[in-house]
Amino acid sequence: MLNIALPKGRLGEKAYGLMERAGFGCPEIHEEGRKLIFENSETGVRYFWVKPSDVAIYVERGAADVGIVGKDILLEYEPDVYELCDLGIGKCRMAVAAPVGYKDNTAQTLRVATKFPNIARAFFSSRSREIDIIKLNGSIELAPILNLSDILVDIVETGTTLKENGLEPVEDIVQISSRLIANKAIYKFKIDEIERLVQGVKSR
């Protein structure tokens, strides 16, 4: 069995669609209910739904052989896994955003609100810009509005939420999309099955 961790939600459903079209389907997954694990002995796959930010942990620890995870998670947490391929889904970007018309005062430490402190720190370090990271878990847009931060670093898809809150993206840090990852030790033992999966999704 090839154990595959799928992120819950729309992204996971898109990723499963890729797997299904590549010949790794599991009809049971379409059934209504709260079940989290689905397997198909004919195609030799076992899927399970997990929180998107946990996929890399399941794979790194060997509970899953492979998984689908956003590039943002790989950059932020740097899990010890193999990144096999870019699936070309879940496309967005990591960007710096600020209130419309904001001007950076380089004489002061820049206050940055974000869910991604490591990505933000690395980006501003490359600019030799001194920053104060304010780690938040939700509603990042509120931080500059309420003067908790000067700017924010977050994932931007359409930019609509920023615009509706008087903010605008000012610079892109990195393009984000979903990647297929594998556990390093398991990869050596299941290389044929995993490579067949990789070639299958690449051709879809």
C-alpha atoms as a PDB file:
ATOM      1  CA  MET A   1       0.000   0.000   0.000  1.00  0.00           C
ATOM      2  CA  LEU A   2       1.106   3.521  -0.796  1.00  0.00           C
ATOM      3  CA  ASN A   3      -0.009   5.782   2.077  1.00  0.00           C
ATOM      4  CA  ILE A   4      -0.953   9.250   0.848  1.00  0.00           C
ATOM      5  CA  ALA A   5      -1.721  12.256   3.077  1.00  0.00           C
ATOM      6  CA  LEU A   6      -4.178  14.682   1.481  1.00  0.00           C
ATOM      7  CA  PRO A   7      -4.834  18.196   2.842  1.00  0.00           C
ATOM      8  CA  LYS A   8      -8.468  18.688   3.877  1.00  0.00           C
ATOM      9  CA  GLY A   9     -10.494  21.119   1.801  1.00  0.00           C
ATOM     10  CA  ARG A  10     -10.619  22.272  -1.824  1.00  0.00           C
ATOM     11  CA  LEU A  11      -6.909  21.785  -2.395  1.00  0.00           C
ATOM     12  CA  GLY A  12      -7.053  18.172  -1.231  1.00  0.00           C
ATOM     13  CA  GLU A  13     -10.017  17.499  -3.483  1.00  0.00           C
ATOM     14  CA  LYS A  14      -8.113  18.949  -6.466  1.00  0.00           C
ATOM     15  CA  ALA A  15      -5.048  16.885  -5.561  1.00  0.00           C
ATOM     16  CA  TYR A  16      -7.142  13.721  -5.267  1.00  0.00           C
ATOM     17  CA  GLY A  17      -8.605  14.485  -8.712  1.00  0.00           C
ATOM     18  CA  LEU A  18      -5.055  14.437 -10.107  1.00  0.00           C
ATOM     19  CA  MET A  19      -4.351  11.104  -8.406  1.00  0.00           C
ATOM     20  CA  GLU A  20      -7.602   9.623  -9.667  1.00  0.00           C
ATOM     21  CA  ARG A  21      -6.920  10.678 -13.264  1.00  0.00           C
ATOM     22  CA  ALA A  22      -3.426   9.186 -12.943  1.00  0.00           C
ATOM     23  CA  GLY A  23      -4.954   5.781 -12.150  1.00  0.00           C
ATOM     24  CA  PHE A  24      -4.717   5.903  -8.356  1.00  0.00           C
ATOM     25  CA  GLY A  25      -8.409   6.268  -7.612  1.00  0.00           C
ATOM     26  CA  CYS A  26     -10.305   5.178  -4.522  1.00  0.00           C
ATOM     27  CA  PRO A  27     -14.102   5.379  -5.119  1.00  0.00           C
ATOM     28  CA  GLU A  28     -14.812   5.115  -1.383  1.00  0.00           C
ATOM     29  CA  ILE A  29     -13.406   8.616  -0.886  1.00  0.00           C
ATOM     30  CA  HIS A  30     -16.483  10.133  -2.604  1.00  0.00           C
ATOM     31  CA  GLU A  31     -18.901   8.645  -0.061  1.00  0.00           C
ATOM     32  CA  GLU A  32     -20.552  11.021   2.424  1.00  0.00           C
ATOM     33  CA  GLY A  33     -19.482  10.708   6.052  1.00  0.00           C
ATOM     34  CA  ARG A  34     -16.767  11.541   8.561  1.00  0.00           C
ATOM     35  CA  LYS A  35     -14.373   8.784   7.660  1.00  0.00           C
ATOM     36  CA  LEU A  36     -10.734   9.912   7.401  1.00  0.00           C
ATOM     37  CA  ILE A  37      -9.005   6.862   5.865  1.00  0.00           C
ATOM     38  CA  PHE A  38      -9.863   5.273   2.511  1.00  0.00           C
ATOM     39  CA  GLU A  39      -8.112   2.462   0.686  1.00  0.00           C
ATOM     40  CA  ASN A  40      -8.277   0.603  -2.581  1.00  0.00           C
ATOM     41  CA  SER A  41      -6.397  -2.694  -2.678  1.00  0.00           C
ATOM     42  CA  GLU A  42      -6.785  -2.881  -6.460  1.00  0.00           C
ATOM     43  CA  THR A  43      -4.763   0.289  -7.059  1.00  0.00           C
ATOM     44  CA  GLY A  44      -2.647  -0.218  -3.942  1.00  0.00           C
ATOM     45  CA  VAL A  45      -3.353   3.147  -2.308  1.00  0.00           C
ATOM     46  CA  ARG A  46      -4.527   4.330   1.092  1.00  0.00           C
ATOM     47  CA  TYR A  47      -5.573   7.970   1.453  1.00  0.00           C
ATOM     48  CA  PHE A  48      -6.192   9.975   4.590  1.00  0.00           C
ATOM     49  CA  TRP A  49      -7.355  13.535   5.171  1.00  0.00           C
ATOM     50  CA  VAL A  50      -5.256  15.716   7.480  1.00  0.00           C
ATOM     51  CA  LYS A  51      -4.994  19.419   8.308  1.00  0.00           C
ATOM     52  CA  PRO A  52      -2.958  21.087   5.512  1.00  0.00           C
ATOM     53  CA  SER A  53      -0.232  22.341   7.858  1.00  0.00           C
ATOM     54  CA  ASP A  54       0.167  18.805   9.293  1.00  0.00           C
ATOM     55  CA  VAL A  55       0.782  16.961   6.003  1.00  0.00           C
ATOM     56  CA  ALA A  56       4.554  17.497   6.116  1.00  0.00           C
ATOM     57  CA  ILE A  57       4.700  16.166   9.702  1.00  0.00           C
ATOM     58  CA  TYR A  58       2.871  12.951   8.732  1.00  0.00           C
ATOM     59  CA  VAL A  59       5.276  12.447   5.839  1.00  0.00           C
ATOM     60  CA  GLU A  60       8.450  13.397   7.705  1.00  0.00           C
ATOM     61  CA  ARG A  61       7.567  11.025  10.571  1.00  0.00           C
ATOM     62  CA  GLY A  62       6.683   8.159   8.232  1.00  0.00           C
ATOM     63  CA  ALA A  63       2.950   7.930   9.010  1.00  0.00           C
ATOM     64  CA  ALA A  64       2.464   8.769   5.319  1.00  0.00           C
ATOM     65  CA  ASP A  65       4.727   7.719   2.456  1.00  0.00           C
ATOM     66  CA  VAL A  66       3.858  10.750   0.343  1.00  0.00           C
ATOM     67  CA  GLY A  67       1.704  13.847   0.719  1.00  0.00           C
ATOM     68  CA  ILE A  68       0.565  17.062  -0.927  1.00  0.00           C
ATOM     69  CA  VAL A  69       1.692  20.291   0.694  1.00  0.00           C
ATOM     70  CA  GLY A  70       2.011  23.969  -0.205  1.00  0.00           C
ATOM     71  CA  LYS A  71       5.470  25.358  -0.937  1.00  0.00           C
ATOM     72  CA  ASP A  72       4.830  27.890   1.854  1.00  0.00           C
ATOM     73  CA  ILE A  73       4.841  25.070   4.439  1.00  0.00           C
ATOM     74  CA  LEU A  74       8.095  23.669   3.034  1.00  0.00           C
ATOM     75  CA  LEU A  75       9.776  27.075   3.168  1.00  0.00           C
ATOM     76  CA  GLU A  76       8.477  27.939   6.631  1.00  0.00           C
ATOM     77  CA  TYR A  77       9.101  24.655   8.466  1.00  0.00           C
ATOM     78  CA  GLU A  78      11.817  23.067   6.296  1.00  0.00           C
ATOM     79  CA  PRO A  79      10.721  19.455   6.950  1.00  0.00           C
ATOM     80  CA  ASP A  80      13.265  16.716   6.171  1.00  0.00           C
ATOM     81  CA  VAL A  81      11.443  15.271   3.141  1.00  0.00           C
ATOM     82  CA  TYR A  82      11.975  14.855  -0.587  1.00  0.00           C
ATOM     83  CA  GLU A  83      10.165  17.385  -2.792  1.00  0.00           C
ATOM     84  CA  LEU A  84       9.239  15.263  -5.805  1.00  0.00           C
ATOM     85  CA  CYS A  85       7.333  17.582  -8.128  1.00  0.00           C
ATOM     86  CA  ASP A  86       5.248  20.713  -8.503  1.00  0.00           C
ATOM     87  CA  LEU A  87       1.604  19.716  -9.008  1.00  0.00           C
ATOM     88  CA  GLY A  88       0.711  23.096 -10.495  1.00  0.00           C
ATOM     89  CA  ILE A  89      -2.368  23.513  -8.279  1.00  0.00           C
ATOM     90  CA  GLY A  90      -3.113  25.816  -5.334  1.00  0.00           C
ATOM     91  CA  LYS A  91      -1.239  28.650  -7.010  1.00  0.00           C
ATOM     92  CA  CYS A  92      -0.840  31.893  -5.077  1.00  0.00           C
ATOM     93  CA  ARG A  93       2.014  34.049  -3.809  1.00  0.00           C
ATOM     94  CA  MET A  94       3.683  35.049  -0.569  1.00  0.00           C
ATOM     95  CA  ALA A  95       3.722  38.828  -0.506  1.00  0.00           C
ATOM     96  CA  VAL A  96       4.458  41.892   1.579  1.00  0.00           C
ATOM     97  CA  ALA A  97       1.355  44.067   1.984  1.00  0.00           C
ATOM     98  CA  ALA A  98       0.871  47.477   3.580  1.00  0.00           C
ATOM     99  CA  PRO A  99      -1.731  50.223   3.995  1.00  0.00           C
ATOM    100  CA  VAL A 100      -2.305  52.084   0.721  1.00  0.00           C
ATOM    101  CA  GLY A 101       0.296  54.849   0.406  1.00  0.00           C
ATOM    102  CA  TYR A 102       2.540  53.449   3.150  1.00  0.00           C
ATOM    103  CA  LYS A 103       6.168  54.675   3.146  1.00  0.00           C
ATOM    104  CA  ASP A 104       8.815  52.694   5.017  1.00  0.00           C
ATOM    105  CA  ASN A 105      10.808  54.668   7.601  1.00  0.00           C
ATOM    106  CA  THR A 106      14.165  52.867   7.446  1.00  0.00           C
ATOM    107  CA  ALA A 107      15.370  54.685  10.568  1.00  0.00           C
ATOM    108  CA  GLN A 108      12.975  52.575  12.646  1.00  0.00           C
ATOM    109  CA  THR A 109      12.607  48.830  13.194  1.00  0.00           C
ATOM    110  CA  LEU A 110       9.931  47.531  10.829  1.00  0.00           C
ATOM    111  CA  ARG A 111       7.034  45.771  12.579  1.00  0.00           C
ATOM    112  CA  VAL A 112       5.903  42.768  10.512  1.00  0.00           C
ATOM    113  CA  ALA A 113       2.747  40.762  11.249  1.00  0.00           C
ATOM    114  CA  THR A 114       2.731  37.247   9.781  1.00  0.00           C
ATOM    115  CA  LYS A 115       1.879  33.557  10.123  1.00  0.00           C
ATOM    116  CA  PHE A 116       5.223  32.829   8.454  1.00  0.00           C
ATOM    117  CA  PRO A 117       8.002  34.240  10.674  1.00  0.00           C
ATOM    118  CA  ASN A 118      10.837  32.237   9.092  1.00  0.00           C
ATOM    119  CA  ILE A 119       9.941  33.254   5.546  1.00  0.00           C
ATOM    120  CA  ALA A 120       9.548  36.895   6.596  1.00  0.00           C
ATOM    121  CA  ARG A 121      12.794  36.878   8.580  1.00  0.00           C
ATOM    122  CA  ALA A 122      14.780  35.372   5.689  1.00  0.00           C
ATOM    123  CA  PHE A 123      13.319  37.857   3.200  1.00  0.00           C
ATOM    124  CA  PHE A 124      14.074  40.986   5.223  1.00  0.00           C
ATOM    125  CA  SER A 125      17.440  39.631   6.326  1.00  0.00           C
ATOM    126  CA  SER A 126      18.397  39.435   2.634  1.00  0.00           C
ATOM    127  CA  ARG A 127      17.570  43.153   2.491  1.00  0.00           C
ATOM    128  CA  SER A 128      19.530  43.864   5.706  1.00  0.00           C
ATOM    129  CA  ARG A 129      16.311  45.355   7.113  1.00  0.00           C
ATOM    130  CA  GLU A 130      15.841  45.228  10.895  1.00  0.00           C
ATOM    131  CA  ILE A 131      12.399  43.872  11.769  1.00  0.00           C
ATOM    132  CA  ASP A 132      10.213  42.979  14.736  1.00  0.00           C
ATOM    133  CA  ILE A 133       8.149  39.860  13.952  1.00  0.00           C
ATOM    134  CA  ILE A 134       4.614  39.754  15.330  1.00  0.00           C
ATOM    135  CA  LYS A 135       3.436  36.144  14.970  1.00  0.00           C
ATOM    136  CA  LEU A 136      -0.314  35.857  14.431  1.00  0.00           C
ATOM    137  CA  ASN A 137      -2.545  32.909  13.538  1.00  0.00           C
ATOM    138  CA  GLY A 138      -5.451  34.610  11.822  1.00  0.00           C
ATOM    139  CA  SER A 139      -6.850  37.892  10.435  1.00  0.00           C
ATOM    140  CA  ILE A 140      -3.388  39.226   9.642  1.00  0.00           C
ATOM    141  CA  GLU A 141      -5.016  42.167   7.818  1.00  0.00           C
ATOM    142  CA  LEU A 142      -6.148  43.630  11.152  1.00  0.00           C
ATOM    143  CA  ALA A 143      -2.594  44.175  12.411  1.00  0.00           C
ATOM    144  CA  PRO A 144      -1.628  47.235  10.336  1.00  0.00           C
ATOM    145  CA  ILE A 145      -5.172  48.632  10.518  1.00  0.00           C
ATOM    146  CA  LEU A 146      -5.028  48.638  14.335  1.00  0.00           C
ATOM    147  CA  ASN A 147      -1.377  49.803  14.332  1.00  0.00           C
ATOM    148  CA  LEU A 148      -0.145  46.526  15.780  1.00  0.00           C
ATOM    149  CA  SER A 149       2.239  46.306  12.820  1.00  0.00           C
ATOM    150  CA  ASP A 150       3.503  48.485   9.995  1.00  0.00           C
ATOM    151  CA  ILE A 151       3.122  45.834   7.287  1.00  0.00           C
ATOM    152  CA  LEU A 152       2.235  42.168   6.893  1.00  0.00           C
ATOM    153  CA  VAL A 153       3.598  39.104   5.120  1.00  0.00           C
ATOM    154  CA  ASP A 154       0.971  36.604   4.022  1.00  0.00           C
ATOM    155  CA  ILE A 155      -0.349  34.443   1.202  1.00  0.00           C
ATOM    156  CA  VAL A 156      -2.188  36.463  -1.439  1.00  0.00           C
ATOM    157  CA  GLU A 157      -4.485  34.895  -4.020  1.00  0.00           C
ATOM    158  CA  THR A 158      -6.643  37.627  -5.569  1.00  0.00           C
ATOM    159  CA  GLY A 159      -5.800  40.551  -3.276  1.00  0.00           C
ATOM    160  CA  THR A 160      -9.521  41.238  -2.705  1.00  0.00           C
ATOM    161  CA  THR A 161      -9.340  40.920   1.100  1.00  0.00           C
ATOM    162  CA  LEU A 162      -6.406  43.321   1.208  1.00  0.00           C
ATOM    163  CA  LYS A 163      -8.192  45.867  -0.987  1.00  0.00           C
ATOM    164  CA  GLU A 164     -11.392  45.708   1.069  1.00  0.00           C
ATOM    165  CA  ASN A 165      -9.340  46.546   4.168  1.00  0.00           C
ATOM    166  CA  GLY A 166      -7.396  49.468   2.727  1.00  0.00           C
ATOM    167  CA  LEU A 167      -4.259  47.433   2.075  1.00  0.00           C
ATOM    168  CA  GLU A 168      -2.283  46.575  -1.048  1.00  0.00           C
ATOM    169  CA  PRO A 169       0.452  44.095  -1.974  1.00  0.00           C
ATOM    170  CA  VAL A 170       3.729  45.974  -2.389  1.00  0.00           C
ATOM    171  CA  GLU A 171       6.178  43.179  -3.193  1.00  0.00           C
ATOM    172  CA  ASP A 172       6.089  39.465  -3.964  1.00  0.00           C
ATOM    173  CA  ILE A 173       8.420  37.235  -1.953  1.00  0.00           C
ATOM    174  CA  VAL A 174       7.867  33.881  -3.654  1.00  0.00           C
ATOM    175  CA  GLN A 175       5.348  32.098  -5.884  1.00  0.00           C
ATOM    176  CA  ILE A 176       3.519  29.278  -4.097  1.00  0.00           C
ATOM    177  CA  SER A 177       1.960  26.060  -5.424  1.00  0.00           C
ATOM    178  CA  SER A 178       1.336  22.544  -4.152  1.00  0.00           C
ATOM    179  CA  ARG A 179       4.135  19.981  -4.132  1.00  0.00           C
ATOM    180  CA  LEU A 180       4.221  16.201  -3.889  1.00  0.00           C
ATOM    181  CA  ILE A 181       6.610  15.197  -1.093  1.00  0.00           C
ATOM    182  CA  ALA A 182       7.916  11.846   0.157  1.00  0.00           C
ATOM    183  CA  ASN A 183       9.422  10.400   3.316  1.00  0.00           C
ATOM    184  CA  LYS A 184      13.146   9.949   2.650  1.00  0.00           C
ATOM    185  CA  ALA A 185      13.533   6.473   4.159  1.00  0.00           C
ATOM    186  CA  ILE A 186      10.300   5.078   2.709  1.00  0.00           C
ATOM    187  CA  TYR A 187      11.156   6.451  -0.738  1.00  0.00           C
ATOM    188  CA  LYS A 188      14.087   4.032  -0.990  1.00  0.00           C
ATOM    189  CA  PHE A 189      11.847   1.045  -0.228  1.00  0.00           C
ATOM    190  CA  LYS A 190       8.877   2.096  -2.349  1.00  0.00           C
ATOM    191  CA  ILE A 191      10.722   3.910  -5.122  1.00  0.00           C
ATOM    192  CA  ASP A 192       8.922   2.062  -7.944  1.00  0.00           C
ATOM    193  CA  GLU A 193       5.414   2.781  -6.589  1.00  0.00           C
ATOM    194  CA  ILE A 194       6.242   6.392  -5.747  1.00  0.00           C
ATOM    195  CA  GLU A 195       7.876   7.096  -9.102  1.00  0.00           C
ATOM    196  CA  ARG A 196       4.876   5.561 -10.875  1.00  0.00           C
ATOM    197  CA  LEU A 197       2.672   8.003  -8.952  1.00  0.00           C
ATOM    198  CA  VAL A 198       4.957  10.936  -9.803  1.00  0.00           C
ATOM    199  CA  GLN A 199       4.969  10.109 -13.513  1.00  0.00           C
ATOM    200  CA  GLY A 200       1.207   9.604 -13.425  1.00  0.00           C
ATOM    201  CA  VAL A 201       0.394  13.005 -11.903  1.00  0.00           C
ATOM    202  CA  LYS A 202       2.966  14.754 -14.117  1.00  0.00           C
ATOM    203  CA  SER A 203       1.174  13.459 -17.201  1.00  0.00           C
ATOM    204  CA  ARG A 204      -2.248  14.767 -16.088  1.00  0.00           C
END
